[in-house]
Protein backbone atom coordinates (compact mmCIF):
# COMPACT_ATOMS: atom_id res chain seq x y z
CA MET A 1 136.25 -47.90 106.04
CA GLU A 2 135.08 -44.56 107.08
CA LYS A 3 136.89 -41.67 105.56
CA ASP A 4 138.58 -39.04 107.49
CA SER A 5 137.18 -35.79 105.82
CA ALA A 6 139.72 -33.46 108.16
CA SER A 7 142.86 -35.06 107.36
CA ALA A 8 141.71 -35.71 103.45
CA ASN A 9 141.26 -31.59 103.28
CA LEU A 10 144.56 -30.72 105.62
CA GLN A 11 146.48 -28.50 103.32
CA LEU A 12 149.80 -26.99 104.34
CA SER A 13 150.42 -24.76 101.19
CA ARG A 14 148.66 -21.67 100.79
CA PRO A 15 147.50 -20.36 96.91
CA ARG A 16 149.37 -17.42 97.16
CA GLU A 17 152.76 -19.27 98.24
CA VAL A 18 152.15 -21.82 95.36
CA ARG A 19 151.59 -18.90 93.15
CA ALA A 20 154.86 -17.22 94.25
CA SER A 21 156.75 -20.45 93.81
CA LEU A 22 155.24 -20.78 90.32
CA GLY A 23 156.17 -17.25 89.38
CA LYS A 24 159.84 -18.21 90.82
CA TRP A 25 160.19 -21.31 88.84
CA LEU A 26 159.03 -19.44 85.55
CA ARG A 27 161.44 -16.90 85.89
CA LEU A 28 164.40 -19.22 86.50
CA ALA A 29 163.16 -21.86 83.74
CA ARG A 30 163.34 -19.06 81.58
CA GLN A 31 166.68 -17.59 82.72
CA ARG A 32 168.51 -20.87 82.08
CA LEU A 33 167.29 -20.74 78.92
CA GLU A 34 168.77 -17.53 78.76
CA TRP A 35 165.81 -15.91 77.29
CA THR A 36 164.61 -12.33 77.66
CA LEU A 37 160.78 -11.70 78.58
CA PRO A 38 160.52 -10.46 74.70
CA MET A 39 162.21 -13.48 73.67
CA LEU A 40 159.56 -15.73 75.60
CA ALA A 41 156.70 -13.53 74.42
CA SER A 42 157.51 -14.24 70.80
CA ARG A 43 157.72 -17.80 71.49
CA SER A 44 154.98 -18.24 73.67
CA GLY A 45 152.52 -15.45 71.89
CA VAL A 46 151.72 -14.19 75.45
CA PRO A 47 152.44 -10.50 75.93
CA VAL A 48 155.33 -9.60 77.74
CA SER A 49 153.37 -7.61 80.68
CA THR A 50 151.14 -10.99 80.91
CA LEU A 51 154.40 -12.57 81.52
CA SER A 52 156.13 -10.25 83.79
CA ARG A 53 152.82 -10.72 86.11
CA LEU A 54 153.18 -14.43 85.78
CA GLU A 55 156.63 -14.41 87.14
CA ARG A 56 156.25 -11.47 89.73
CA GLU A 57 152.81 -12.63 91.26
CA GLY A 58 152.41 -16.04 89.37
CA GLN A 59 148.89 -14.75 88.27
CA GLY A 60 147.62 -15.89 85.00
CA GLY A 61 144.94 -18.03 83.25
CA ILE A 62 145.45 -21.59 82.77
CA ASP A 63 145.85 -21.34 78.68
CA THR A 64 148.45 -18.68 79.43
CA LEU A 65 150.51 -20.76 81.62
CA LEU A 66 150.14 -23.82 79.36
CA ARG A 67 151.27 -21.47 76.16
CA VAL A 68 154.36 -20.74 78.53
CA PHE A 69 155.14 -24.18 79.62
CA GLN A 70 155.42 -25.29 75.95
CA ALA A 71 157.22 -22.35 74.79
CA LEU A 72 159.89 -23.42 77.95
CA GLY A 73 159.65 -27.02 76.69
CA VAL A 74 158.00 -28.17 80.07
CA LEU A 75 154.49 -28.92 78.84
CA ASP A 76 155.10 -32.80 78.93
CA ASP A 77 156.45 -32.93 81.95
CA VAL A 78 153.52 -30.97 83.56
CA HIS A 79 151.28 -33.10 81.39
CA GLY A 80 152.88 -36.25 83.05
CA LEU A 81 152.81 -34.87 86.64
CA LEU A 82 148.94 -34.71 86.18
CA GLN A 83 148.66 -38.33 84.70
CA ASP A 84 150.22 -39.50 87.70
CA GLN A 85 147.75 -37.65 89.79
CA LEU A 86 144.55 -38.89 87.60
CA ARG A 87 146.08 -42.39 87.86
CA ARG A 88 146.15 -42.15 91.81
CA ALA A 89 143.02 -40.65 91.92
CA SER A 90 141.79 -43.66 90.28
CA ILE A 91 142.88 -46.27 92.76
CA PRO A 92 139.93 -46.97 95.60
CA VAL A 93 140.25 -45.90 98.73
CA ASP A 94 138.60 -49.13 100.00
CA LEU A 95 138.64 -52.53 99.23
CA ASP A 96 134.63 -52.21 99.01
CA GLU A 97 134.61 -49.60 95.99
CA LEU A 98 136.54 -52.35 93.71
CA ASP A 99 133.22 -54.21 93.55
CA THR A 100 131.44 -51.13 92.51
CA GLN A 101 134.30 -50.00 90.36
CA ALA A 102 134.25 -53.27 88.31
CA LYS A 103 130.87 -52.66 86.67
CA PRO A 104 130.33 -50.35 84.33
CA ARG A 105 127.61 -47.77 85.26
CA GLN A 106 124.45 -47.71 82.98
CA ARG A 107 122.37 -44.53 82.15
CA ILE A 108 119.06 -45.32 82.94
CA ARG A 109 116.64 -42.82 80.94
CA PRO A 110 113.11 -42.56 82.10
CA PRO A 111 110.40 -43.65 80.08
CA LYS A 112 109.20 -41.04 77.56
CA PRO A 113 105.50 -40.22 78.83
């Protein structure tokens, strides 16, 4: 079975849209807890200015985002989502791949001269 690379790469969302949604979601999660930005900054160790930019623009580093997720109590949810994606990624696309996945790959080193 030949993989259709065009359909596999079709993405309807754009990074800026995802960043905007992430920022809105973070703000709502913080507000639902009735926390101010300084309160979240204190709990996460992330400066208020960075949190503000993260909520407004969805801009921030992965470590910053993970610290905010942990402070908001959603890190386990995000981790679960990633674990589901890892499981889905390990499912073979084609039944022919089952044979190759069943055999462990061995590292073959060239002989030393």
